[in-house]
Amino acid sequence: MIPILYESYETEFESNGLGRLRDCLECKVTEERNGLYECDFTYPITGAGYDKIKLGRIIAVRHDDTDDVQPFDIVSYSRPIDGKVTFHAVHISYRQSGITVTGNNVNSLADAFDLIKNAQPINPFTYETDIPGSGYVASLNGTPRSVRSVLGGVEGSILDTFGGEYEWDKWTVRLWRSRGVDRDFSVRYGVNMTDYGEDVDYSQSYTSVVPFWSGTAQNGAPVVVVGNLIDTNERLYDTRAVCVPLDLTDKFEGQPTQKQVEEMAVSYLNSVQPYIPQQSIRVDFIRLSDQAEYANFADLETCRLCDRIRVFFPDYGAEGRFKIVRTEYDVLLERFTSMELGALSTTLSEALGITQGADGKSSAPLEQDDVVKETGVKGVWNYRKWANGRIEAWTAQSFESATPTVWASPIRYMDKTITIPAGIFSSAPNIIATSPSTQYWVVGATASSATNITLRLATVSSSAMATAVKIYAYTN
């Protein structure tokens, strides 16, 4: 496609505007899942229409292999090199950073969208979503904020509260529960994979928190509710404990109790799993639909941002499905030049189910049905379901008991019932429970149904027990 130049006040983007930039040397669009959406292009100072390219004007280009054209505000340029100038433009949705919303926190997504529609001075954007339900959007609290930060980027924002994936379409903002689709597309070495690698970053990881809530009492005095240290019992690099403060103020409408703060911290840690390093897989590949000889298979070989595709890793003899989280599209050549696959909550080997034998060699390749088809969080439980029917769920819980009961002196015990949220298992799962404490130990763990677990813990102490237990439930 040849880029089109428009005035800064254009709204329709259906005409040729100020003209097409026919001498454009290079033009690429980079888009990330819930992240940047920008365009860079290079133009010669001797090119037709060069004098019309000004900061604040709009360049409209395709961003993927559809006919969809998106507008980008030109915001900066480089000094000429050999008579060539590189311009940088950002999607028109960035204008929401210059629109301010003021109001109180709200309790639903619909209310949040209604609030930002009335932002100042004028908000020309419209908002759509397929995410139902309520949720406490805590990013305002009477403080003026930009519309874009309320959408996502600060704690308590819409994205922080409801999750999902944004689609920026001219003046329309859509928040999808899941923007992409599962594609029948494979990346394979020797066919369309050119390189792959894995990044691992421990810099933001931690193993325990001191949770707190801060606010104001009815008499106007400042109040801080501080919970006890919550430890995941995990260690970075297998040895190091790292503790950070955890501000949970935006998780409560009113002042919580200390116990509520601690319970919220446990739920947060189970969901976020901060002790797992940030990781990503980068795969450079060629879409076969971009090659002329595969034109007849274009529909089968199409993939776009947020889609999930199959990737076959030759060194491991394994494959899995991963989400596309970053794309780079060449506007002039009308094809993607690179795609990046998303952040993982496990290592590459764990994601693919690869294990190492005693000889250091990888295990046998995965079967077609040996892939994760669903992951999620229910309450304080994380879970995943496999295509072959296997289900796994895990949690870390802390609780207290009264004085333990004498079992066989000097051994005492206590029984504790743990609830698994409905909808994870359809029958009673197998249970593995462990405790890091040297004062008590797990001597029994059974599931009587799909939702109920009974734990028995033993101790030689006659005092009430404060207990931390890690539970793993699974079906074969």
Protein backbone atom coordinates (compact mmCIF):
# COMPACT_ATOMS: atom_id res chain seq x y z
CA MET A 1 0.00 0.00 0.00
CA ILE A 2 1.12 3.57 -0.67
CA PRO A 3 0.66 5.66 2.53
CA ILE A 4 -1.87 8.48 2.48
CA LEU A 5 -1.26 11.88 4.13
CA TYR A 6 -4.12 13.74 5.89
CA GLU A 7 -4.63 16.96 7.76
CA SER A 8 -4.57 16.72 11.57
CA TYR A 9 -8.33 17.29 11.76
CA GLU A 10 -9.33 14.48 9.35
CA THR A 11 -11.90 12.07 10.82
CA GLU A 12 -13.13 9.82 7.99
CA PHE A 13 -9.93 8.64 6.20
CA GLU A 14 -11.84 7.61 3.09
CA SER A 15 -10.34 10.02 0.50
CA ASN A 16 -6.78 10.52 -0.78
CA GLY A 17 -6.45 13.46 1.61
CA LEU A 18 -3.38 15.59 0.89
CA GLY A 19 -2.09 12.91 -1.44
CA ARG A 20 -0.30 9.58 -1.44
CA LEU A 21 3.36 9.43 -0.43
CA ARG A 22 4.45 7.59 -3.56
CA ASP A 23 8.18 8.03 -2.99
CA CYS A 24 8.15 6.49 0.46
CA LEU A 25 11.31 4.37 0.88
CA GLU A 26 10.25 2.35 3.92
CA CYS A 27 7.16 2.17 6.11
CA LYS A 28 6.52 -0.26 8.96
CA VAL A 29 3.84 -0.58 11.63
CA THR A 30 4.61 -2.15 14.99
CA GLU A 31 1.75 -3.28 17.22
CA GLU A 32 1.88 -4.98 20.61
CA ARG A 33 -0.82 -6.72 22.62
CA ASN A 34 -2.18 -4.00 24.96
CA GLY A 35 0.93 -1.99 24.18
CA LEU A 36 2.46 0.31 21.62
CA TYR A 37 0.92 0.89 18.21
CA GLU A 38 3.26 2.99 16.08
CA CYS A 39 4.44 3.64 12.54
CA ASP A 40 7.89 4.60 11.24
CA PHE A 41 8.51 5.68 7.66
CA THR A 42 11.39 7.09 5.65
CA TYR A 43 10.96 9.69 2.91
CA PRO A 44 13.49 11.47 0.65
CA ILE A 45 13.59 15.26 0.78
CA THR A 46 13.37 15.19 -3.02
CA GLY A 47 10.24 13.01 -2.96
CA ALA A 48 6.88 14.19 -4.23
CA GLY A 49 4.87 15.81 -1.46
CA TYR A 50 7.76 15.91 1.02
CA ASP A 51 6.96 19.54 1.86
CA LYS A 52 3.48 18.47 2.97
CA ILE A 53 4.74 16.07 5.64
CA LYS A 54 4.49 18.04 8.86
CA LEU A 55 4.33 17.21 12.55
CA GLY A 56 0.72 16.85 13.67
CA ARG A 57 -0.53 15.63 10.31
CA ILE A 58 -1.74 12.06 9.87
CA ILE A 59 -0.38 9.18 7.84
CA ALA A 60 -2.88 6.39 7.11
CA VAL A 61 -1.62 2.90 6.33
CA ARG A 62 -2.53 -0.76 6.54
CA HIS A 63 -1.39 -2.47 9.73
CA ASP A 64 -1.98 -6.09 8.71
CA ASP A 65 -2.95 -8.21 5.72
CA THR A 66 -6.55 -7.00 5.63
CA ASP A 67 -7.70 -3.91 3.75
CA ASP A 68 -8.13 -2.09 7.06
CA VAL A 69 -6.42 1.33 7.07
CA GLN A 70 -5.47 2.95 10.38
CA PRO A 71 -4.45 6.60 11.06
CA PHE A 72 -1.22 7.60 12.85
CA ASP A 73 -0.27 11.07 14.11
CA ILE A 74 3.19 12.18 12.96
CA VAL A 75 4.96 13.22 16.18
CA SER A 76 8.70 13.37 15.42
CA TYR A 77 11.38 13.09 12.74
CA SER A 78 15.12 12.66 12.45
CA ARG A 79 17.62 14.95 10.81
CA PRO A 80 18.17 14.11 7.13
CA ILE A 81 20.80 11.44 6.42
CA ASP A 82 21.84 11.31 2.79
CA GLY A 83 18.71 13.27 1.96
CA LYS A 84 16.42 10.79 3.75
CA VAL A 85 14.22 11.69 6.72
CA THR A 86 12.75 9.14 9.13
CA PHE A 87 9.39 10.07 10.65
CA HIS A 88 7.75 8.54 13.71
CA ALA A 89 3.98 8.37 14.11
CA VAL A 90 1.68 6.98 16.81
CA HIS A 91 -1.82 5.58 16.44
CA ILE A 92 -4.57 8.13 16.76
CA SER A 93 -5.77 6.34 19.90
CA TYR A 94 -2.75 7.90 21.67
CA ARG A 95 -4.72 11.15 21.61
CA GLN A 96 -6.57 9.78 24.62
CA SER A 97 -3.46 10.66 26.62
CA GLY A 98 -4.44 14.30 26.04
CA ILE A 99 -8.03 13.88 27.22
CA THR A 100 -8.62 14.17 30.97
CA VAL A 101 -11.29 12.43 33.00
CA THR A 102 -12.29 13.39 36.54
CA GLY A 103 -14.63 11.42 38.75
CA ASN A 104 -14.97 8.86 41.47
CA ASN A 105 -14.29 5.15 41.29
CA VAL A 106 -17.03 3.05 39.72
CA ASN A 107 -18.29 -0.50 40.10
CA SER A 108 -18.77 -1.69 36.52
CA LEU A 109 -17.15 -1.54 33.12
CA ALA A 110 -20.18 0.17 31.62
CA ASP A 111 -19.98 2.93 34.24
CA ALA A 112 -16.26 3.35 33.59
CA PHE A 113 -16.84 3.77 29.85
CA ASP A 114 -19.67 6.25 30.49
CA LEU A 115 -17.34 8.27 32.70
CA ILE A 116 -14.51 8.52 30.20
CA LYS A 117 -16.88 9.35 27.34
CA ASN A 118 -17.57 12.62 29.17
CA ALA A 119 -13.88 13.50 29.62
CA GLN A 120 -12.55 16.99 28.84
CA PRO A 121 -12.28 18.86 26.61
CA ILE A 122 -14.11 16.52 24.17
CA ASN A 123 -13.72 12.77 23.78
CA PRO A 124 -14.36 11.70 20.15
CA PHE A 125 -13.76 8.02 20.88
CA THR A 126 -16.42 5.34 21.39
CA TYR A 127 -16.01 2.23 23.52
CA GLU A 128 -17.19 -1.35 23.06
CA THR A 129 -16.63 -4.62 24.90
CA ASP A 130 -17.78 -8.23 25.11
CA ILE A 131 -16.78 -8.48 28.79
CA PRO A 132 -19.84 -8.57 31.06
CA GLY A 133 -20.19 -8.05 34.79
CA SER A 134 -19.09 -5.70 37.50
CA GLY A 135 -15.73 -4.83 38.98
CA TYR A 136 -14.27 -2.05 41.11
CA VAL A 137 -12.33 0.37 38.88
CA ALA A 138 -10.11 2.10 41.43
CA SER A 139 -7.90 4.28 39.24
CA LEU A 140 -9.78 7.56 39.74
CA ASN A 141 -10.86 8.29 43.33
CA GLY A 142 -11.47 11.92 42.41
CA THR A 143 -7.99 12.37 40.90
CA PRO A 144 -7.85 13.71 37.33
CA ARG A 145 -6.25 11.20 34.98
CA SER A 146 -5.81 10.81 31.26
CA VAL A 147 -8.34 8.58 29.53
CA ARG A 148 -5.58 6.31 28.24
CA SER A 149 -4.20 5.70 31.76
CA VAL A 150 -7.69 4.80 33.00
CA LEU A 151 -7.99 2.31 30.14
CA GLY A 152 -4.73 0.70 31.20
CA GLY A 153 -1.37 1.63 32.61
CA VAL A 154 -2.06 2.36 36.27
CA GLU A 155 -3.16 0.18 39.17
CA GLY A 156 -6.92 -0.13 39.35
CA SER A 157 -7.36 0.71 35.66
CA ILE A 158 -9.96 -0.95 33.45
CA LEU A 159 -7.38 -3.38 32.07
CA ASP A 160 -6.06 -4.12 35.56
CA THR A 161 -9.58 -4.84 36.81
CA PHE A 162 -11.18 -6.73 33.93
CA GLY A 163 -8.27 -8.04 31.89
CA GLY A 164 -8.82 -8.59 28.18
CA GLU A 165 -7.15 -7.35 25.01
CA TYR A 166 -7.62 -3.94 23.39
CA GLU A 167 -8.23 -3.34 19.71
CA TRP A 168 -7.65 0.24 18.55
CA ASP A 169 -9.76 0.87 15.43
CA LYS A 170 -9.65 4.53 14.37
CA TRP A 171 -12.05 6.28 16.79
CA THR A 172 -13.37 3.04 18.30
CA VAL A 173 -11.78 1.30 21.28
CA ARG A 174 -12.77 -2.34 21.77
CA LEU A 175 -11.89 -4.36 24.85
CA TRP A 176 -12.17 -8.03 23.95
CA ARG A 177 -12.19 -10.89 26.41
CA SER A 178 -9.84 -12.49 23.86
CA ARG A 179 -9.03 -10.54 20.72
CA GLY A 180 -7.43 -13.31 18.70
CA VAL A 181 -8.48 -16.78 17.61
CA ASP A 182 -6.85 -20.20 17.43
CA ARG A 183 -5.33 -20.51 13.97
CA ASP A 184 -4.53 -23.63 12.01
CA PHE A 185 -1.02 -22.32 11.48
CA SER A 186 2.29 -24.02 12.27
CA VAL A 187 5.79 -22.67 12.57
CA ARG A 188 8.34 -25.37 11.72
CA TYR A 189 12.08 -25.44 11.33
CA GLY A 190 13.17 -25.96 7.71
CA VAL A 191 9.80 -24.74 6.42
CA ASN A 192 9.05 -21.26 7.74
CA MET A 193 11.07 -20.84 10.97
CA THR A 194 14.27 -18.84 10.62
CA ASP A 195 15.28 -18.48 14.29
CA TYR A 196 13.98 -18.65 17.84
CA GLY A 197 15.19 -17.76 21.31
CA GLU A 198 14.06 -17.35 24.91
CA ASP A 199 14.53 -14.40 27.29
CA VAL A 200 14.45 -14.88 31.08
CA ASP A 201 14.35 -11.92 33.50
CA TYR A 202 14.40 -12.25 37.29
CA SER A 203 14.72 -8.50 37.98
CA GLN A 204 11.05 -8.03 38.93
CA SER A 205 10.59 -11.34 40.75
CA TYR A 206 9.97 -11.74 44.49
CA THR A 207 9.02 -14.52 46.89
CA SER A 208 7.11 -12.87 49.76
CA VAL A 209 5.19 -9.70 50.59
CA VAL A 210 4.15 -7.54 53.51
CA PRO A 211 0.62 -6.54 52.43
CA PHE A 212 -1.04 -3.31 53.49
CA TRP A 213 -4.04 -1.03 52.94
CA SER A 214 -3.93 2.72 53.48
CA GLY A 215 -6.81 5.12 53.75
CA THR A 216 -8.63 7.56 55.99
CA ALA A 217 -10.69 6.85 59.11
CA GLN A 218 -14.12 8.39 59.66
CA ASN A 219 -12.55 11.10 61.80
CA GLY A 220 -10.20 12.01 58.96
CA ALA A 221 -7.09 10.49 60.48
CA PRO A 222 -4.84 8.43 58.21
CA VAL A 223 -5.08 4.67 58.71
CA VAL A 224 -2.79 1.87 57.56
CA VAL A 225 -3.77 -1.79 57.93
CA VAL A 226 -0.65 -3.96 57.71
CA GLY A 227 -0.81 -7.73 57.35
CA ASN A 228 1.75 -10.28 58.45
CA LEU A 229 4.42 -11.41 56.00
CA ILE A 230 3.01 -13.79 53.38
CA ASP A 231 5.63 -16.16 52.01
CA THR A 232 5.17 -18.19 48.83
CA ASN A 233 7.87 -20.59 50.10
CA GLU A 234 9.52 -20.29 46.71
CA ARG A 235 13.09 -19.02 46.30
CA LEU A 236 14.74 -17.18 43.44
CA TYR A 237 17.64 -19.09 41.94
CA ASP A 238 16.54 -21.84 44.38
CA THR A 239 18.19 -20.00 47.30
CA ARG A 240 17.23 -16.33 47.58
CA ALA A 241 14.23 -14.90 49.46
CA VAL A 242 13.02 -11.49 48.30
CA CYS A 243 10.30 -9.58 50.18
CA VAL A 244 8.50 -6.46 48.91
CA PRO A 245 5.64 -4.30 50.23
CA LEU A 246 2.32 -5.03 48.51
CA ASP A 247 -0.14 -2.13 48.33
CA LEU A 248 -3.67 -3.57 48.19
CA THR A 249 -5.49 -0.29 48.73
CA ASP A 250 -7.20 -0.42 45.34
CA LYS A 251 -8.55 -3.92 46.04
CA PHE A 252 -11.03 -2.73 48.69
CA GLU A 253 -13.80 -0.14 48.66
CA GLY A 254 -13.64 0.39 52.42
CA GLN A 255 -11.21 -0.32 55.24
CA PRO A 256 -10.49 -4.06 55.46
CA THR A 257 -9.46 -6.11 58.46
CA GLN A 258 -5.93 -7.41 58.82
CA LYS A 259 -7.17 -10.90 57.95
CA GLN A 260 -8.86 -9.64 54.78
CA VAL A 261 -5.64 -7.92 53.72
CA GLU A 262 -3.71 -11.16 54.24
CA GLU A 263 -6.29 -13.25 52.38
CA MET A 264 -6.21 -10.82 49.46
CA ALA A 265 -2.41 -11.05 49.42
CA VAL A 266 -2.57 -14.86 49.24
CA SER A 267 -5.03 -14.65 46.35
CA TYR A 268 -2.84 -12.10 44.57
CA LEU A 269 0.31 -14.18 44.95
CA ASN A 270 -1.43 -17.31 43.67
CA SER A 271 -2.64 -15.41 40.64
CA VAL A 272 0.50 -13.44 39.80
CA GLN A 273 3.12 -16.01 40.88
CA PRO A 274 5.83 -13.29 41.11
CA TYR A 275 8.59 -15.79 41.86
CA ILE A 276 8.40 -17.04 38.27
CA PRO A 277 10.72 -14.93 36.08
CA GLN A 278 9.34 -12.91 33.22
CA GLN A 279 9.95 -14.86 30.06
CA SER A 280 9.21 -14.58 26.40
CA ILE A 281 9.81 -16.60 23.30
CA ARG A 282 10.89 -14.88 20.11
CA VAL A 283 10.28 -16.74 16.89
CA ASP A 284 11.28 -15.36 13.51
CA PHE A 285 9.25 -17.00 10.79
CA ILE A 286 7.79 -16.54 7.35
CA ARG A 287 4.08 -16.89 6.77
CA LEU A 288 3.58 -19.18 3.83
CA SER A 289 0.65 -17.03 2.72
CA ASP A 290 3.21 -14.28 1.99
CA GLN A 291 4.86 -16.48 -0.61
CA ALA A 292 3.45 -16.51 -4.15
CA GLU A 293 3.70 -20.29 -4.52
CA TYR A 294 1.43 -20.75 -1.49
CA ALA A 295 -1.23 -18.24 -2.54
CA ASN A 296 -3.92 -20.91 -2.73
CA PHE A 297 -3.40 -21.66 0.97
CA ALA A 298 -3.58 -18.08 2.19
CA ASP A 299 -6.73 -18.61 4.26
CA LEU A 300 -5.17 -21.52 6.13
CA GLU A 301 -1.85 -19.77 6.73
CA THR A 302 -3.13 -16.46 8.09
CA CYS A 303 -2.22 -15.22 11.56
CA ARG A 304 -2.45 -11.83 13.26
CA LEU A 305 -1.90 -10.11 16.60
CA CYS A 306 -3.33 -11.99 19.62
CA ASP A 307 -3.97 -15.16 17.59
CA ARG A 308 -2.73 -18.45 19.02
CA ILE A 309 -0.63 -20.59 16.70
CA ARG A 310 1.26 -23.89 16.89
CA VAL A 311 5.04 -23.76 17.14
CA PHE A 312 7.23 -26.80 16.60
CA PHE A 313 10.61 -26.67 18.33
CA PRO A 314 13.04 -28.96 16.52
CA ASP A 315 15.69 -29.17 19.23
CA TYR A 316 13.12 -30.55 21.66
CA GLY A 317 10.92 -32.51 19.28
CA ALA A 318 7.87 -30.82 20.80
CA GLU A 319 5.15 -28.36 19.92
CA GLY A 320 2.70 -26.11 21.73
CA ARG A 321 0.29 -23.21 21.18
CA PHE A 322 1.44 -19.66 21.88
CA LYS A 323 -0.13 -16.20 21.52
CA ILE A 324 1.23 -13.60 19.09
CA VAL A 325 1.91 -10.49 21.20
CA ARG A 326 3.90 -8.30 18.83
CA THR A 327 3.85 -7.81 15.06
CA GLU A 328 5.77 -5.73 12.57
CA TYR A 329 4.09 -5.09 9.23
CA ASP A 330 5.78 -3.77 6.09
CA VAL A 331 3.25 -1.38 4.56
CA LEU A 332 4.97 -1.09 1.18
CA LEU A 333 5.51 -4.82 0.70
CA GLU A 334 2.14 -5.61 2.32
CA ARG A 335 3.37 -8.41 4.53
CA PHE A 336 4.46 -9.08 8.10
CA THR A 337 8.21 -8.99 8.65
CA SER A 338 8.29 -10.34 12.22
CA MET A 339 6.07 -11.65 14.99
CA GLU A 340 6.82 -12.29 18.64
CA LEU A 341 5.17 -14.94 20.75
CA GLY A 342 4.01 -14.07 24.22
CA ALA A 343 5.20 -14.04 27.80
CA LEU A 344 5.10 -17.42 29.50
CA SER A 345 4.27 -18.24 33.12
CA THR A 346 6.59 -21.24 32.93
CA THR A 347 9.91 -22.04 31.36
CA LEU A 348 10.02 -23.02 27.72
CA SER A 349 10.65 -26.64 28.66
CA GLU A 350 7.74 -26.69 31.11
CA ALA A 351 5.44 -25.02 28.61
CA LEU A 352 6.18 -27.74 26.10
CA GLY A 353 6.15 -30.58 28.62
CA ILE A 354 9.80 -31.44 27.96
CA THR A 355 11.81 -33.27 30.62
CA GLN A 356 15.45 -34.25 30.73
CA GLY A 357 16.49 -37.84 31.28
CA ALA A 358 19.57 -39.01 33.14
CA ASP A 359 21.49 -38.90 29.90
CA GLY A 360 20.59 -35.23 29.40
CA LYS A 361 18.45 -35.95 26.35
CA SER A 362 14.94 -34.66 25.85
CA SER A 363 11.96 -36.90 26.29
CA ALA A 364 9.82 -38.14 23.42
CA PRO A 365 7.83 -35.62 21.37
CA LEU A 366 4.44 -34.49 22.60
CA GLU A 367 1.38 -36.22 21.29
CA GLN A 368 -1.10 -34.01 19.45
CA ASP A 369 -3.53 -33.95 22.40
CA ASP A 370 -0.81 -33.29 25.01
CA VAL A 371 -1.20 -29.50 25.01
CA VAL A 372 -2.86 -27.07 27.41
CA LYS A 373 -6.26 -25.93 26.11
CA GLU A 374 -7.38 -23.79 29.06
CA THR A 375 -5.79 -21.93 31.98
CA GLY A 376 -7.40 -19.74 34.60
CA VAL A 377 -7.78 -18.54 38.17
CA LYS A 378 -10.75 -19.20 40.46
CA GLY A 379 -10.52 -17.64 43.88
CA VAL A 380 -7.10 -18.55 45.31
CA TRP A 381 -6.74 -21.51 42.93
CA ASN A 382 -4.83 -21.60 39.64
CA TYR A 383 -5.69 -24.35 37.19
CA ARG A 384 -5.03 -25.67 33.71
CA LYS A 385 -6.80 -28.24 31.55
CA TRP A 386 -5.12 -30.37 28.91
CA ALA A 387 -6.51 -31.55 25.58
CA ASN A 388 -6.04 -35.15 26.72
CA GLY A 389 -8.41 -34.62 29.69
CA ARG A 390 -5.82 -34.11 32.43
CA ILE A 391 -6.62 -31.32 34.89
CA GLU A 392 -4.28 -29.66 37.38
CA ALA A 393 -4.96 -27.07 40.10
CA TRP A 394 -2.74 -25.59 42.79
CA THR A 395 -2.86 -23.09 45.66
CA ALA A 396 -0.96 -21.93 48.72
CA GLN A 397 -3.11 -21.25 51.79
CA SER A 398 -2.54 -20.05 55.34
CA PHE A 399 -4.93 -20.66 58.24
CA GLU A 400 -5.06 -20.97 62.01
CA SER A 401 -6.59 -23.56 64.33
CA ALA A 402 -7.47 -23.94 67.97
CA THR A 403 -5.34 -26.12 70.20
CA PRO A 404 -4.64 -29.35 68.29
CA THR A 405 -6.22 -32.61 69.42
CA VAL A 406 -4.19 -35.33 71.13
CA TRP A 407 -3.64 -38.20 68.72
CA ALA A 408 -1.00 -40.49 70.20
CA SER A 409 0.98 -38.58 72.80
CA PRO A 410 3.06 -36.56 72.23
CA ILE A 411 1.62 -36.30 68.69
CA ARG A 412 -1.32 -33.99 68.18
CA TYR A 413 -3.29 -33.24 65.03
CA MET A 414 -5.83 -31.01 63.42
CA ASP A 415 -8.10 -31.54 60.41
CA LYS A 416 -8.83 -28.78 57.94
CA THR A 417 -11.38 -28.71 55.11
CA ILE A 418 -10.30 -26.91 51.93
CA THR A 419 -12.75 -25.99 49.18
CA ILE A 420 -11.94 -26.23 45.49
CA PRO A 421 -14.07 -23.85 43.39
CA ALA A 422 -16.76 -25.56 41.36
CA GLY A 423 -16.06 -26.01 37.67
CA ILE A 424 -12.43 -27.06 37.83
CA PHE A 425 -12.89 -30.80 38.46
CA SER A 426 -15.86 -33.02 37.67
CA SER A 427 -14.85 -35.72 40.15
CA ALA A 428 -12.61 -36.08 43.20
CA PRO A 429 -8.98 -35.38 42.18
CA ASN A 430 -5.75 -36.78 43.55
CA ILE A 431 -4.14 -34.57 46.20
CA ILE A 432 -0.56 -33.76 47.12
CA ALA A 433 -0.09 -31.37 50.06
CA THR A 434 3.13 -30.13 51.63
CA SER A 435 4.14 -27.69 54.35
CA PRO A 436 7.50 -25.90 54.76
CA SER A 437 7.19 -25.79 58.54
CA THR A 438 9.38 -27.86 60.86
CA GLN A 439 6.73 -27.63 63.63
CA TYR A 440 4.00 -29.54 61.82
CA TRP A 441 3.69 -31.81 58.83
CA VAL A 442 0.97 -33.06 56.49
CA VAL A 443 0.06 -36.68 57.27
CA GLY A 444 -3.10 -36.95 55.18
CA ALA A 445 -4.66 -35.26 52.16
CA THR A 446 -7.75 -36.63 50.43
CA ALA A 447 -10.55 -35.30 48.25
CA SER A 448 -14.06 -36.53 49.07
CA SER A 449 -15.57 -34.80 46.03
CA ALA A 450 -14.71 -32.44 43.18
CA THR A 451 -14.88 -29.49 45.56
CA ASN A 452 -13.80 -30.72 49.03
CA ILE A 453 -10.38 -31.62 50.39
CA THR A 454 -9.58 -32.79 53.92
CA LEU A 455 -6.09 -32.21 55.30
CA ARG A 456 -4.66 -33.69 58.49
CA LEU A 457 -1.64 -31.98 59.99
CA ALA A 458 0.41 -33.35 62.87
CA THR A 459 2.56 -31.58 65.47
CA VAL A 460 4.18 -32.14 68.83
CA SER A 461 3.11 -28.69 69.98
CA SER A 462 0.11 -28.18 72.26
CA SER A 463 -0.41 -24.61 71.04
CA ALA A 464 -2.69 -23.33 68.32
CA MET A 465 -1.12 -23.66 64.89
CA ALA A 466 -0.64 -21.00 62.24
CA THR A 467 -0.36 -23.09 59.12
CA ALA A 468 0.90 -22.61 55.57
CA VAL A 469 0.20 -25.41 53.10
CA LYS A 470 0.80 -25.83 49.38
CA ILE A 471 -1.79 -28.03 47.66
CA TYR A 472 -1.61 -29.67 44.24
CA ALA A 473 -4.70 -31.42 42.87
CA TYR A 474 -4.76 -33.38 39.65
CA THR A 475 -6.48 -36.02 37.57
CA ASN A 476 -4.59 -38.69 35.63
